[in-house]
Amino acid sequence: MAFARSQRMVRPERDVPDHFLTPLVVGQEVTVCFFASYELRGDRIAAFRLAWWPPVSSD
């Protein structure tokens, strides 16, 4: 089993009020964090799980 954590700054170019994480607004930077795990069987991915933390606004 392997694990990964990723943190990204999102700076939208257009408003996305129905984004699945949080409403995105032009000019508002948002930090999103993801956590993933996967299991291998041989050389293939047998299971993949992805979760995220609530976004943090930088303003």
Protein backbone atom coordinates (compact mmCIF):
# COMPACT_ATOMS: atom_id res chain seq x y z
CA MET A 1 0.00 0.00 0.00
CA ALA A 2 1.26 3.48 -0.80
CA PHE A 3 0.12 6.90 0.41
CA ALA A 4 0.42 10.41 -1.00
CA ARG A 5 -0.56 13.88 0.19
CA SER A 6 -0.90 16.83 -2.15
CA GLN A 7 -1.54 20.49 -1.40
CA ARG A 8 -2.31 22.88 -4.26
CA MET A 9 -3.13 26.56 -4.57
CA VAL A 10 -6.09 27.14 -6.89
CA ARG A 11 -6.51 30.53 -8.56
CA PRO A 12 -9.62 30.32 -10.76
CA GLU A 13 -9.84 32.19 -14.07
CA ARG A 14 -13.63 32.21 -13.89
CA ASP A 15 -16.28 31.89 -11.18
CA VAL A 16 -17.35 28.30 -10.48
CA PRO A 17 -20.12 28.61 -7.88
CA ASP A 18 -20.99 24.88 -7.97
CA HIS A 19 -17.44 23.47 -7.68
CA PHE A 20 -17.48 20.22 -5.68
CA LEU A 21 -14.96 21.44 -3.07
CA THR A 22 -16.07 25.02 -2.53
CA PRO A 23 -17.46 27.87 -4.63
CA LEU A 24 -14.55 29.38 -6.61
CA VAL A 25 -14.41 33.12 -7.21
CA VAL A 26 -12.10 34.93 -9.65
CA GLY A 27 -9.26 36.59 -7.74
CA GLN A 28 -9.69 34.43 -4.62
CA GLU A 29 -6.90 31.91 -4.02
CA VAL A 30 -7.90 28.66 -2.34
CA THR A 31 -5.60 25.96 -0.98
CA VAL A 32 -6.89 22.42 -1.44
CA CYS A 33 -5.38 19.32 0.17
CA PHE A 34 -5.79 15.77 -1.08
CA PHE A 35 -4.83 12.44 0.42
CA ALA A 36 -4.63 9.28 -1.66
CA SER A 37 -3.81 5.65 -1.06
CA TYR A 38 -3.54 2.78 -3.46
CA GLU A 39 -2.88 -0.92 -3.36
CA LEU A 40 -0.97 -2.85 -6.00
CA ARG A 41 -1.51 -6.42 -7.17
CA GLY A 42 1.46 -7.29 -9.28
CA ASP A 43 2.04 -4.30 -11.54
CA ARG A 44 -1.60 -3.11 -11.49
CA ILE A 45 -3.52 -0.81 -9.16
CA ALA A 46 -6.10 -2.96 -7.37
CA ALA A 47 -7.69 -0.24 -5.21
CA PHE A 48 -7.51 3.57 -5.14
CA ARG A 49 -8.92 5.90 -2.48
CA LEU A 50 -8.99 9.69 -2.58
CA ALA A 51 -10.10 12.13 0.10
CA TRP A 52 -9.78 15.86 0.60
CA TRP A 53 -9.76 18.39 3.40
CA PRO A 54 -12.01 21.45 3.37
CA PRO A 55 -10.34 24.27 1.41
CA VAL A 56 -8.62 27.16 3.15
CA SER A 57 -9.13 30.63 1.69
CA SER A 58 -6.05 32.88 1.62
CA ASP A 59 -7.91 36.17 1.99
